[in-house]
Amino acid sequence: MADATAVEVTSATSPAQPADALTMLSTAADPVRWAVLRRLAGGQACVCELQETIPVAGNLLSYHLKVLREAGLVTASRRGRWIDYRLAPGAHTLLTSALPTTPEGRTP
């Protein structure tokens, strides 16, 4: 049996940040969610408009939109029967702040 070596992961800012950063990046890294973010970067859209460019089942698209809303990357507003989605204010900052930085705060 091989000996196991414990590896400690540390962060320059706080112990909770790496997990939060990984969650944020993995949320955006899903191909369907990335396609939604790219589409919404061009402006708001309702689900029917998103389905024109993102060929997934409606229930699956709704799930991915929910994940993006919960992560704070997308907002939704009701317009009659329709729900319009857009990138959340600060979505770009949320994603870039999840990227690793040097101790001086610059990206490597």
PDB file of N, CA and C in Angstrom:
ATOM      1  N   MET A   1       0.848  -1.170   0.000  1.00  0.00           N
ATOM      2  CA  MET A   1       0.000   0.000   0.000  1.00  0.00           C
ATOM      3  C   MET A   1       0.894   1.234   0.000  1.00  0.00           C
ATOM      4  N   ALA A   2       0.583   2.221  -0.832  1.00  0.00           N
ATOM      5  CA  ALA A   2       1.387   3.439  -0.926  1.00  0.00           C
ATOM      6  C   ALA A   2       0.999   4.398   0.181  1.00  0.00           C
ATOM      7  N   ASP A   3       1.997   5.168   0.626  1.00  0.00           N
ATOM      8  CA  ASP A   3       1.737   6.194   1.625  1.00  0.00           C
ATOM      9  C   ASP A   3       1.053   7.381   0.961  1.00  0.00           C
ATOM     10  N   ALA A   4       0.116   7.982   1.668  1.00  0.00           N
ATOM     11  CA  ALA A   4      -0.564   9.169   1.157  1.00  0.00           C
ATOM     12  C   ALA A   4       0.075  10.398   1.773  1.00  0.00           C
ATOM     13  N   THR A   5       0.197  11.427   0.988  1.00  0.00           N
ATOM     14  CA  THR A   5       0.741  12.683   1.465  1.00  0.00           C
ATOM     15  C   THR A   5      -0.361  13.721   1.415  1.00  0.00           C
ATOM     16  N   ALA A   6      -0.576  14.388   2.530  1.00  0.00           N
ATOM     17  CA  ALA A   6      -1.592  15.433   2.587  1.00  0.00           C
ATOM     18  C   ALA A   6      -1.067  16.670   1.878  1.00  0.00           C
ATOM     19  N   VAL A   7      -1.924  17.312   1.113  1.00  0.00           N
ATOM     20  CA  VAL A   7      -1.572  18.541   0.423  1.00  0.00           C
ATOM     21  C   VAL A   7      -2.504  19.622   0.925  1.00  0.00           C
ATOM     22  N   GLU A   8      -1.910  20.719   1.385  1.00  0.00           N
ATOM     23  CA  GLU A   8      -2.712  21.825   1.881  1.00  0.00           C
ATOM     24  C   GLU A   8      -2.806  22.887   0.802  1.00  0.00           C
ATOM     25  N   VAL A   9      -4.031  23.333   0.523  1.00  0.00           N
ATOM     26  CA  VAL A   9      -4.253  24.387  -0.451  1.00  0.00           C
ATOM     27  C   VAL A   9      -4.500  25.662   0.320  1.00  0.00           C
ATOM     28  N   THR A  10      -3.735  26.702   0.001  1.00  0.00           N
ATOM     29  CA  THR A  10      -3.911  27.976   0.701  1.00  0.00           C
ATOM     30  C   THR A  10      -4.173  29.079  -0.296  1.00  0.00           C
ATOM     31  N   SER A  11      -4.698  30.166   0.200  1.00  0.00           N
ATOM     32  CA  SER A  11      -4.993  31.332  -0.623  1.00  0.00           C
ATOM     33  C   SER A  11      -4.411  32.561   0.035  1.00  0.00           C
ATOM     34  N   ALA A  12      -4.016  33.523  -0.768  1.00  0.00           N
ATOM     35  CA  ALA A  12      -3.472  34.752  -0.226  1.00  0.00           C
ATOM     36  C   ALA A  12      -4.558  35.624   0.388  1.00  0.00           C
ATOM     37  N   THR A  13      -5.823  35.390   0.021  1.00  0.00           N
ATOM     38  CA  THR A  13      -6.880  36.258   0.514  1.00  0.00           C
ATOM     39  C   THR A  13      -7.669  35.639   1.654  1.00  0.00           C
ATOM     40  N   SER A  14      -8.273  34.492   1.422  1.00  0.00           N
ATOM     41  CA  SER A  14      -9.042  33.846   2.481  1.00  0.00           C
ATOM     42  C   SER A  14      -9.193  32.375   2.153  1.00  0.00           C
ATOM     43  N   PRO A  15      -9.367  31.527   3.163  1.00  0.00           N
ATOM     44  CA  PRO A  15      -9.504  30.097   2.896  1.00  0.00           C
ATOM     45  C   PRO A  15     -10.747  29.745   2.088  1.00  0.00           C
ATOM     46  N   ALA A  16     -11.805  30.534   2.167  1.00  0.00           N
ATOM     47  CA  ALA A  16     -13.039  30.199   1.464  1.00  0.00           C
ATOM     48  C   ALA A  16     -12.987  30.578  -0.011  1.00  0.00           C
ATOM     49  N   GLN A  17     -12.110  31.484  -0.384  1.00  0.00           N
ATOM     50  CA  GLN A  17     -12.121  31.984  -1.750  1.00  0.00           C
ATOM     51  C   GLN A  17     -11.825  30.936  -2.812  1.00  0.00           C
ATOM     52  N   PRO A  18     -10.864  30.017  -2.647  1.00  0.00           N
ATOM     53  CA  PRO A  18     -10.619  29.065  -3.739  1.00  0.00           C
ATOM     54  C   PRO A  18     -11.851  28.260  -4.118  1.00  0.00           C
ATOM     55  N   ALA A  19     -12.603  27.794  -3.148  1.00  0.00           N
ATOM     56  CA  ALA A  19     -13.810  27.025  -3.459  1.00  0.00           C
ATOM     57  C   ALA A  19     -14.832  27.905  -4.169  1.00  0.00           C
ATOM     58  N   ASP A  20     -14.997  29.139  -3.709  1.00  0.00           N
ATOM     59  CA  ASP A  20     -15.927  30.058  -4.356  1.00  0.00           C
ATOM     60  C   ASP A  20     -15.481  30.356  -5.780  1.00  0.00           C
ATOM     61  N   ALA A  21     -14.192  30.565  -5.965  1.00  0.00           N
ATOM     62  CA  ALA A  21     -13.657  30.851  -7.289  1.00  0.00           C
ATOM     63  C   ALA A  21     -13.860  29.652  -8.218  1.00  0.00           C
ATOM     64  N   LEU A  22     -13.585  28.462  -7.715  1.00  0.00           N
ATOM     65  CA  LEU A  22     -13.781  27.265  -8.531  1.00  0.00           C
ATOM     66  C   LEU A  22     -15.244  27.095  -8.911  1.00  0.00           C
ATOM     67  N   THR A  23     -16.135  27.357  -7.989  1.00  0.00           N
ATOM     68  CA  THR A  23     -17.566  27.256  -8.277  1.00  0.00           C
ATOM     69  C   THR A  23     -17.961  28.253  -9.360  1.00  0.00           C
ATOM     70  N   MET A  24     -17.484  29.481  -9.241  1.00  0.00           N
ATOM     71  CA  MET A  24     -17.820  30.511 -10.222  1.00  0.00           C
ATOM     72  C   MET A  24     -17.279  30.134 -11.607  1.00  0.00           C
ATOM     73  N   LEU A  25     -16.024  29.714 -11.652  1.00  0.00           N
ATOM     74  CA  LEU A  25     -15.427  29.368 -12.941  1.00  0.00           C
ATOM     75  C   LEU A  25     -16.061  28.125 -13.552  1.00  0.00           C
ATOM     76  N   SER A  26     -16.372  27.127 -12.724  1.00  0.00           N
ATOM     77  CA  SER A  26     -17.001  25.925 -13.268  1.00  0.00           C
ATOM     78  C   SER A  26     -18.430  26.210 -13.724  1.00  0.00           C
ATOM     79  N   THR A  27     -19.089  27.150 -13.077  1.00  0.00           N
ATOM     80  CA  THR A  27     -20.425  27.548 -13.513  1.00  0.00           C
ATOM     81  C   THR A  27     -20.365  28.131 -14.921  1.00  0.00           C
ATOM     82  N   ALA A  28     -19.414  29.015 -15.141  1.00  0.00           N
ATOM     83  CA  ALA A  28     -19.299  29.657 -16.454  1.00  0.00           C
ATOM     84  C   ALA A  28     -18.702  28.726 -17.505  1.00  0.00           C
ATOM     85  N   ALA A  29     -17.942  27.718 -17.078  1.00  0.00           N
ATOM     86  CA  ALA A  29     -17.224  26.856 -18.022  1.00  0.00           C
ATOM     87  C   ALA A  29     -18.114  25.839 -18.723  1.00  0.00           C
ATOM     88  N   ASP A  30     -19.295  25.569 -18.210  1.00  0.00           N
ATOM     89  CA  ASP A  30     -20.191  24.633 -18.881  1.00  0.00           C
ATOM     90  C   ASP A  30     -20.500  25.175 -20.280  1.00  0.00           C
ATOM     91  N   PRO A  31     -20.406  24.341 -21.314  1.00  0.00           N
ATOM     92  CA  PRO A  31     -20.595  24.838 -22.691  1.00  0.00           C
ATOM     93  C   PRO A  31     -21.941  25.529 -22.936  1.00  0.00           C
ATOM     94  N   VAL A  32     -23.001  25.018 -22.361  1.00  0.00           N
ATOM     95  CA  VAL A  32     -24.316  25.649 -22.567  1.00  0.00           C
ATOM     96  C   VAL A  32     -24.354  26.997 -21.853  1.00  0.00           C
ATOM     97  N   ARG A  33     -23.880  27.028 -20.611  1.00  0.00           N
ATOM     98  CA  ARG A  33     -23.894  28.292 -19.862  1.00  0.00           C
ATOM     99  C   ARG A  33     -22.960  29.313 -20.504  1.00  0.00           C
ATOM    100  N   TRP A  34     -21.821  28.858 -21.026  1.00  0.00           N
ATOM    101  CA  TRP A  34     -20.911  29.780 -21.712  1.00  0.00           C
ATOM    102  C   TRP A  34     -21.597  30.370 -22.939  1.00  0.00           C
ATOM    103  N   ALA A  35     -22.334  29.546 -23.678  1.00  0.00           N
ATOM    104  CA  ALA A  35     -23.061  30.035 -24.853  1.00  0.00           C
ATOM    105  C   ALA A  35     -24.110  31.065 -24.446  1.00  0.00           C
ATOM    106  N   VAL A  36     -24.793  30.826 -23.335  1.00  0.00           N
ATOM    107  CA  VAL A  36     -25.785  31.786 -22.837  1.00  0.00           C
ATOM    108  C   VAL A  36     -25.099  33.101 -22.483  1.00  0.00           C
ATOM    109  N   LEU A  37     -23.978  33.030 -21.771  1.00  0.00           N
ATOM    110  CA  LEU A  37     -23.262  34.253 -21.392  1.00  0.00           C
ATOM    111  C   LEU A  37     -22.800  35.019 -22.632  1.00  0.00           C
ATOM    112  N   ARG A  38     -22.282  34.302 -23.619  1.00  0.00           N
ATOM    113  CA  ARG A  38     -21.832  34.963 -24.858  1.00  0.00           C
ATOM    114  C   ARG A  38     -23.007  35.643 -25.553  1.00  0.00           C
ATOM    115  N   ARG A  39     -24.145  34.968 -25.602  1.00  0.00           N
ATOM    116  CA  ARG A  39     -25.324  35.544 -26.264  1.00  0.00           C
ATOM    117  C   ARG A  39     -25.803  36.773 -25.502  1.00  0.00           C
ATOM    118  N   LEU A  40     -25.852  36.689 -24.167  1.00  0.00           N
ATOM    119  CA  LEU A  40     -26.338  37.807 -23.371  1.00  0.00           C
ATOM    120  C   LEU A  40     -25.355  38.972 -23.342  1.00  0.00           C
ATOM    121  N   ALA A  41     -24.099  38.719 -23.665  1.00  0.00           N
ATOM    122  CA  ALA A  41     -23.131  39.811 -23.771  1.00  0.00           C
ATOM    123  C   ALA A  41     -23.529  40.756 -24.904  1.00  0.00           C
ATOM    124  N   GLY A  42     -24.307  40.258 -25.856  1.00  0.00           N
ATOM    125  CA  GLY A  42     -24.792  41.075 -26.957  1.00  0.00           C
ATOM    126  C   GLY A  42     -26.072  41.819 -26.637  1.00  0.00           C
ATOM    127  N   GLY A  43     -26.645  41.599 -25.480  1.00  0.00           N
ATOM    128  CA  GLY A  43     -27.871  42.276 -25.078  1.00  0.00           C
ATOM    129  C   GLY A  43     -28.879  41.301 -24.506  1.00  0.00           C
ATOM    130  N   GLN A  44     -29.926  41.844 -23.914  1.00  0.00           N
ATOM    131  CA  GLN A  44     -30.929  41.003 -23.265  1.00  0.00           C
ATOM    132  C   GLN A  44     -31.648  40.124 -24.272  1.00  0.00           C
ATOM    133  N   ALA A  45     -32.191  39.019 -23.771  1.00  0.00           N
ATOM    134  CA  ALA A  45     -32.920  38.087 -24.629  1.00  0.00           C
ATOM    135  C   ALA A  45     -33.914  37.300 -23.784  1.00  0.00           C
ATOM    136  N   CYS A  46     -35.021  36.917 -24.394  1.00  0.00           N
ATOM    137  CA  CYS A  46     -35.963  36.020 -23.731  1.00  0.00           C
ATOM    138  C   CYS A  46     -35.553  34.584 -24.074  1.00  0.00           C
ATOM    139  N   VAL A  47     -36.176  33.620 -23.425  1.00  0.00           N
ATOM    140  CA  VAL A  47     -35.821  32.217 -23.634  1.00  0.00           C
ATOM    141  C   VAL A  47     -35.998  31.832 -25.098  1.00  0.00           C
ATOM    142  N   CYS A  48     -37.066  32.305 -25.738  1.00  0.00           N
ATOM    143  CA  CYS A  48     -37.285  31.937 -27.143  1.00  0.00           C
ATOM    144  C   CYS A  48     -36.147  32.439 -28.024  1.00  0.00           C
ATOM    145  N   GLU A  49     -35.601  33.600 -27.724  1.00  0.00           N
ATOM    146  CA  GLU A  49     -34.466  34.116 -28.501  1.00  0.00           C
ATOM    147  C   GLU A  49     -33.192  33.327 -28.188  1.00  0.00           C
ATOM    148  N   LEU A  50     -33.032  32.923 -26.933  1.00  0.00           N
ATOM    149  CA  LEU A  50     -31.859  32.125 -26.567  1.00  0.00           C
ATOM    150  C   LEU A  50     -31.902  30.764 -27.255  1.00  0.00           C
ATOM    151  N   GLN A  51     -33.097  30.180 -27.351  1.00  0.00           N
ATOM    152  CA  GLN A  51     -33.215  28.858 -27.970  1.00  0.00           C
ATOM    153  C   GLN A  51     -32.902  28.891 -29.465  1.00  0.00           C
ATOM    154  N   GLU A  52     -33.013  30.039 -30.096  1.00  0.00           N
ATOM    155  CA  GLU A  52     -32.662  30.154 -31.513  1.00  0.00           C
ATOM    156  C   GLU A  52     -31.172  29.926 -31.733  1.00  0.00           C
ATOM    157  N   THR A  53     -30.349  30.325 -30.766  1.00  0.00           N
ATOM    158  CA  THR A  53     -28.897  30.207 -30.923  1.00  0.00           C
ATOM    159  C   THR A  53     -28.282  29.108 -30.068  1.00  0.00           C
ATOM    160  N   ILE A  54     -29.025  28.621 -29.089  1.00  0.00           N
ATOM    161  CA  ILE A  54     -28.518  27.574 -28.192  1.00  0.00           C
ATOM    162  C   ILE A  54     -29.461  26.382 -28.292  1.00  0.00           C
ATOM    163  N   PRO A  55     -29.110  25.394 -29.102  1.00  0.00           N
ATOM    164  CA  PRO A  55     -30.027  24.283 -29.386  1.00  0.00           C
ATOM    165  C   PRO A  55     -30.065  23.228 -28.281  1.00  0.00           C
ATOM    166  N   VAL A  56     -30.751  23.537 -27.194  1.00  0.00           N
ATOM    167  CA  VAL A  56     -30.988  22.564 -26.125  1.00  0.00           C
ATOM    168  C   VAL A  56     -32.477  22.591 -25.793  1.00  0.00           C
ATOM    169  N   ALA A  57     -32.928  21.557 -25.126  1.00  0.00           N
ATOM    170  CA  ALA A  57     -34.341  21.482 -24.725  1.00  0.00           C
ATOM    171  C   ALA A  57     -34.676  22.648 -23.795  1.00  0.00           C
ATOM    172  N   GLY A  58     -35.906  23.096 -23.852  1.00  0.00           N
ATOM    173  CA  GLY A  58     -36.350  24.226 -23.038  1.00  0.00           C
ATOM    174  C   GLY A  58     -36.127  24.043 -21.556  1.00  0.00           C
ATOM    175  N   ASN A  59     -36.416  22.839 -21.054  1.00  0.00           N
ATOM    176  CA  ASN A  59     -36.243  22.611 -19.616  1.00  0.00           C
ATOM    177  C   ASN A  59     -34.758  22.642 -19.234  1.00  0.00           C
ATOM    178  N   LEU A  60     -33.887  22.177 -20.121  1.00  0.00           N
ATOM    179  CA  LEU A  60     -32.452  22.211 -19.848  1.00  0.00           C
ATOM    180  C   LEU A  60     -31.932  23.648 -19.880  1.00  0.00           C
ATOM    181  N   LEU A  61     -32.422  24.440 -20.827  1.00  0.00           N
ATOM    182  CA  LEU A  61     -32.028  25.843 -20.886  1.00  0.00           C
ATOM    183  C   LEU A  61     -32.484  26.577 -19.630  1.00  0.00           C
ATOM    184  N   SER A  62     -33.693  26.295 -19.174  1.00  0.00           N
ATOM    185  CA  SER A  62     -34.192  26.917 -17.945  1.00  0.00           C
ATOM    186  C   SER A  62     -33.321  26.557 -16.750  1.00  0.00           C
ATOM    187  N   TYR A  63     -32.887  25.315 -16.679  1.00  0.00           N
ATOM    188  CA  TYR A  63     -31.994  24.891 -15.596  1.00  0.00           C
ATOM    189  C   TYR A  63     -30.689  25.687 -15.633  1.00  0.00           C
ATOM    190  N   HIS A  64     -30.096  25.813 -16.809  1.00  0.00           N
ATOM    191  CA  HIS A  64     -28.830  26.537 -16.922  1.00  0.00           C
ATOM    192  C   HIS A  64     -29.009  28.021 -16.595  1.00  0.00           C
ATOM    193  N   LEU A  65     -30.126  28.600 -16.976  1.00  0.00           N
ATOM    194  CA  LEU A  65     -30.400  29.991 -16.624  1.00  0.00           C
ATOM    195  C   LEU A  65     -30.541  30.147 -15.114  1.00  0.00           C
ATOM    196  N   LYS A  66     -31.167  29.169 -14.468  1.00  0.00           N
ATOM    197  CA  LYS A  66     -31.302  29.200 -13.008  1.00  0.00           C
ATOM    198  C   LYS A  66     -29.926  29.158 -12.343  1.00  0.00           C
ATOM    199  N   VAL A  67     -29.050  28.289 -12.821  1.00  0.00           N
ATOM    200  CA  VAL A  67     -27.696  28.187 -12.262  1.00  0.00           C
ATOM    201  C   VAL A  67     -26.961  29.515 -12.429  1.00  0.00           C
ATOM    202  N   LEU A  68     -27.083  30.126 -13.598  1.00  0.00           N
ATOM    203  CA  LEU A  68     -26.424  31.411 -13.840  1.00  0.00           C
ATOM    204  C   LEU A  68     -26.999  32.521 -12.960  1.00  0.00           C
ATOM    205  N   ARG A  69     -28.314  32.503 -12.742  1.00  0.00           N
ATOM    206  CA  ARG A  69     -28.932  33.493 -11.838  1.00  0.00           C
ATOM    207  C   ARG A  69     -28.428  33.300 -10.421  1.00  0.00           C
ATOM    208  N   GLU A  70     -28.396  32.058  -9.952  1.00  0.00           N
ATOM    209  CA  GLU A  70     -27.947  31.781  -8.586  1.00  0.00           C
ATOM    210  C   GLU A  70     -26.484  32.166  -8.380  1.00  0.00           C
ATOM    211  N   ALA A  71     -25.688  32.104  -9.433  1.00  0.00           N
ATOM    212  CA  ALA A  71     -24.280  32.489  -9.338  1.00  0.00           C
ATOM    213  C   ALA A  71     -24.105  34.005  -9.407  1.00  0.00           C
ATOM    214  N   GLY A  72     -25.171  34.721  -9.722  1.00  0.00           N
ATOM    215  CA  GLY A  72     -25.088  36.173  -9.818  1.00  0.00           C
ATOM    216  C   GLY A  72     -24.567  36.676 -11.149  1.00  0.00           C
ATOM    217  N   LEU A  73     -24.558  35.815 -12.162  1.00  0.00           N
ATOM    218  CA  LEU A  73     -24.041  36.207 -13.471  1.00  0.00           C
ATOM    219  C   LEU A  73     -25.121  36.719 -14.414  1.00  0.00           C
ATOM    220  N   VAL A  74     -26.372  36.363 -14.148  1.00  0.00           N
ATOM    221  CA  VAL A  74     -27.489  36.718 -15.026  1.00  0.00           C
ATOM    222  C   VAL A  74     -28.634  37.233 -14.164  1.00  0.00           C
ATOM    223  N   THR A  75     -29.357  38.213 -14.671  1.00  0.00           N
ATOM    224  CA  THR A  75     -30.571  38.683 -14.011  1.00  0.00           C
ATOM    225  C   THR A  75     -31.755  38.438 -14.937  1.00  0.00           C
ATOM    226  N   ALA A  76     -32.938  38.404 -14.343  1.00  0.00           N
ATOM    227  CA  ALA A  76     -34.160  38.173 -15.107  1.00  0.00           C
ATOM    228  C   ALA A  76     -35.187  39.230 -14.733  1.00  0.00           C
ATOM    229  N   SER A  77     -35.969  39.652 -15.729  1.00  0.00           N
ATOM    230  CA  SER A  77     -37.064  40.577 -15.460  1.00  0.00           C
ATOM    231  C   SER A  77     -38.272  40.140 -16.281  1.00  0.00           C
ATOM    232  N   ARG A  78     -39.428  40.236 -15.648  1.00  0.00           N
ATOM    233  CA  ARG A  78     -40.668  39.791 -16.297  1.00  0.00           C
ATOM    234  C   ARG A  78     -41.224  40.914 -17.166  1.00  0.00           C
ATOM    235  N   ARG A  79     -41.660  40.520 -18.372  1.00  0.00           N
ATOM    236  CA  ARG A  79     -42.295  41.431 -19.312  1.00  0.00           C
ATOM    237  C   ARG A  79     -43.553  40.732 -19.816  1.00  0.00           C
ATOM    238  N   GLY A  80     -44.655  40.919 -19.087  1.00  0.00           N
ATOM    239  CA  GLY A  80     -45.883  40.197 -19.425  1.00  0.00           C
ATOM    240  C   GLY A  80     -45.677  38.712 -19.189  1.00  0.00           C
ATOM    241  N   ARG A  81     -45.876  37.911 -20.240  1.00  0.00           N
ATOM    242  CA  ARG A  81     -45.667  36.462 -20.141  1.00  0.00           C
ATOM    243  C   ARG A  81     -44.200  36.087 -20.276  1.00  0.00           C
ATOM    244  N   TRP A  82     -43.389  37.002 -20.763  1.00  0.00           N
ATOM    245  CA  TRP A  82     -42.001  36.709 -21.086  1.00  0.00           C
ATOM    246  C   TRP A  82     -41.069  37.091 -19.946  1.00  0.00           C
ATOM    247  N   ILE A  83     -39.970  36.385 -19.881  1.00  0.00           N
ATOM    248  CA  ILE A  83     -38.909  36.736 -18.935  1.00  0.00           C
ATOM    249  C   ILE A  83     -37.679  37.069 -19.761  1.00  0.00           C
ATOM    250  N   ASP A  84     -37.181  38.275 -19.584  1.00  0.00           N
ATOM    251  CA  ASP A  84     -35.982  38.715 -20.284  1.00  0.00           C
ATOM    252  C   ASP A  84     -34.772  38.485 -19.395  1.00  0.00           C
ATOM    253  N   TYR A  85     -33.705  37.975 -19.987  1.00  0.00           N
ATOM    254  CA  TYR A  85     -32.459  37.715 -19.268  1.00  0.00           C
ATOM    255  C   TYR A  85     -31.381  38.652 -19.791  1.00  0.00           C
ATOM    256  N   ARG A  86     -30.500  39.051 -18.888  1.00  0.00           N
ATOM    257  CA  ARG A  86     -29.361  39.881 -19.274  1.00  0.00           C
ATOM    258  C   ARG A  86     -28.199  39.570 -18.343  1.00  0.00           C
ATOM    259  N   LEU A  87     -27.004  39.943 -18.778  1.00  0.00           N
ATOM    260  CA  LEU A  87     -25.858  39.789 -17.891  1.00  0.00           C
ATOM    261  C   LEU A  87     -26.084  40.676 -16.674  1.00  0.00           C
ATOM    262  N   ALA A  88     -25.748  40.155 -15.521  1.00  0.00           N
ATOM    263  CA  ALA A  88     -25.897  40.927 -14.294  1.00  0.00           C
ATOM    264  C   ALA A  88     -24.849  42.031 -14.251  1.00  0.00           C
ATOM    265  N   PRO A  89     -25.204  43.171 -13.650  1.00  0.00           N
ATOM    266  CA  PRO A  89     -24.173  44.185 -13.448  1.00  0.00           C
ATOM    267  C   PRO A  89     -23.057  43.556 -12.595  1.00  0.00           C
ATOM    268  N   GLY A  90     -21.855  43.694 -13.028  1.00  0.00           N
ATOM    269  CA  GLY A  90     -20.740  43.128 -12.280  1.00  0.00           C
ATOM    270  C   GLY A  90     -20.408  41.694 -12.633  1.00  0.00           C
ATOM    271  N   ALA A  91     -21.077  41.108 -13.625  1.00  0.00           N
ATOM    272  CA  ALA A  91     -20.791  39.715 -13.993  1.00  0.00           C
ATOM    273  C   ALA A  91     -19.344  39.566 -14.441  1.00  0.00           C
ATOM    274  N   HIS A  92     -18.877  40.525 -15.207  1.00  0.00           N
ATOM    275  CA  HIS A  92     -17.488  40.480 -15.671  1.00  0.00           C
ATOM    276  C   HIS A  92     -16.533  40.520 -14.481  1.00  0.00           C
ATOM    277  N   THR A  93     -16.807  41.360 -13.511  1.00  0.00           N
ATOM    278  CA  THR A  93     -15.966  41.470 -12.322  1.00  0.00           C
ATOM    279  C   THR A  93     -15.997  40.179 -11.514  1.00  0.00           C
ATOM    280  N   LEU A  94     -17.172  39.563 -11.393  1.00  0.00           N
ATOM    281  CA  LEU A  94     -17.272  38.296 -10.669  1.00  0.00           C
ATOM    282  C   LEU A  94     -16.383  37.228 -11.297  1.00  0.00           C
ATOM    283  N   LEU A  95     -16.423  37.150 -12.612  1.00  0.00           N
ATOM    284  CA  LEU A  95     -15.619  36.130 -13.294  1.00  0.00           C
ATOM    285  C   LEU A  95     -14.128  36.444 -13.233  1.00  0.00           C
ATOM    286  N   THR A  96     -13.760  37.683 -13.471  1.00  0.00           N
ATOM    287  CA  THR A  96     -12.333  38.005 -13.449  1.00  0.00           C
ATOM    288  C   THR A  96     -11.765  37.934 -12.039  1.00  0.00           C
ATOM    289  N   SER A  97     -12.563  38.228 -11.034  1.00  0.00           N
ATOM    290  CA  SER A  97     -12.053  38.136  -9.661  1.00  0.00           C
ATOM    291  C   SER A  97     -11.869  36.680  -9.232  1.00  0.00           C
ATOM    292  N   ALA A  98     -12.484  35.750  -9.952  1.00  0.00           N
ATOM    293  CA  ALA A  98     -12.313  34.326  -9.634  1.00  0.00           C
ATOM    294  C   ALA A  98     -11.018  33.768 -10.218  1.00  0.00           C
ATOM    295  N   LEU A  99     -10.409  34.502 -11.134  1.00  0.00           N
ATOM    296  CA  LEU A  99      -9.158  34.036 -11.732  1.00  0.00           C
ATOM    297  C   LEU A  99      -7.999  34.190 -10.755  1.00  0.00           C
ATOM    298  N   PRO A 100      -7.018  33.307 -10.828  1.00  0.00           N
ATOM    299  CA  PRO A 100      -5.854  33.423  -9.946  1.00  0.00           C
ATOM    300  C   PRO A 100      -5.079  34.711 -10.242  1.00  0.00           C
ATOM    301  N   THR A 101      -4.517  35.284  -9.202  1.00  0.00           N
ATOM    302  CA  THR A 101      -3.697  36.491  -9.345  1.00  0.00           C
ATOM    303  C   THR A 101      -2.382  36.295  -8.609  1.00  0.00           C
ATOM    304  N   THR A 102      -1.425  37.134  -8.950  1.00  0.00           N
ATOM    305  CA  THR A 102      -0.160  37.139  -8.242  1.00  0.00           C
ATOM    306  C   THR A 102      -0.368  37.850  -6.905  1.00  0.00           C
ATOM    307  N   PRO A 103       0.589  37.744  -5.983  1.00  0.00           N
ATOM    308  CA  PRO A 103       0.438  38.450  -4.695  1.00  0.00           C
ATOM    309  C   PRO A 103       0.245  39.960  -4.875  1.00  0.00           C
ATOM    310  N   GLU A 104       0.742  40.532  -5.958  1.00  0.00           N
ATOM    311  CA  GLU A 104       0.587  41.960  -6.202  1.00  0.00           C
ATOM    312  C   GLU A 104      -0.779  42.301  -6.791  1.00  0.00           C
ATOM    313  N   GLY A 105      -1.588  41.282  -7.064  1.00  0.00           N
ATOM    314  CA  GLY A 105      -2.928  41.512  -7.596  1.00  0.00           C
ATOM    315  C   GLY A 105      -2.998  41.507  -9.104  1.00  0.00           C
ATOM    316  N   ARG A 106      -1.868  41.258  -9.776  1.00  0.00           N
ATOM    317  CA  ARG A 106      -1.869  41.209 -11.237  1.00  0.00           C
ATOM    318  C   ARG A 106      -2.128  39.769 -11.677  1.00  0.00           C
ATOM    319  N   THR A 107      -2.753  39.612 -12.827  1.00  0.00           N
ATOM    320  CA  THR A 107      -2.925  38.259 -13.354  1.00  0.00           C
ATOM    321  C   THR A 107      -1.593  37.759 -13.872  1.00  0.00           C
ATOM    322  N   PRO A 108      -1.309  36.481 -13.675  1.00  0.00           N
ATOM    323  CA  PRO A 108      -0.022  35.930 -14.114  1.00  0.00           C
ATOM    324  C   PRO A 108       0.145  35.962 -15.613  1.00  0.00           C
TER     325      PRO A 108
END
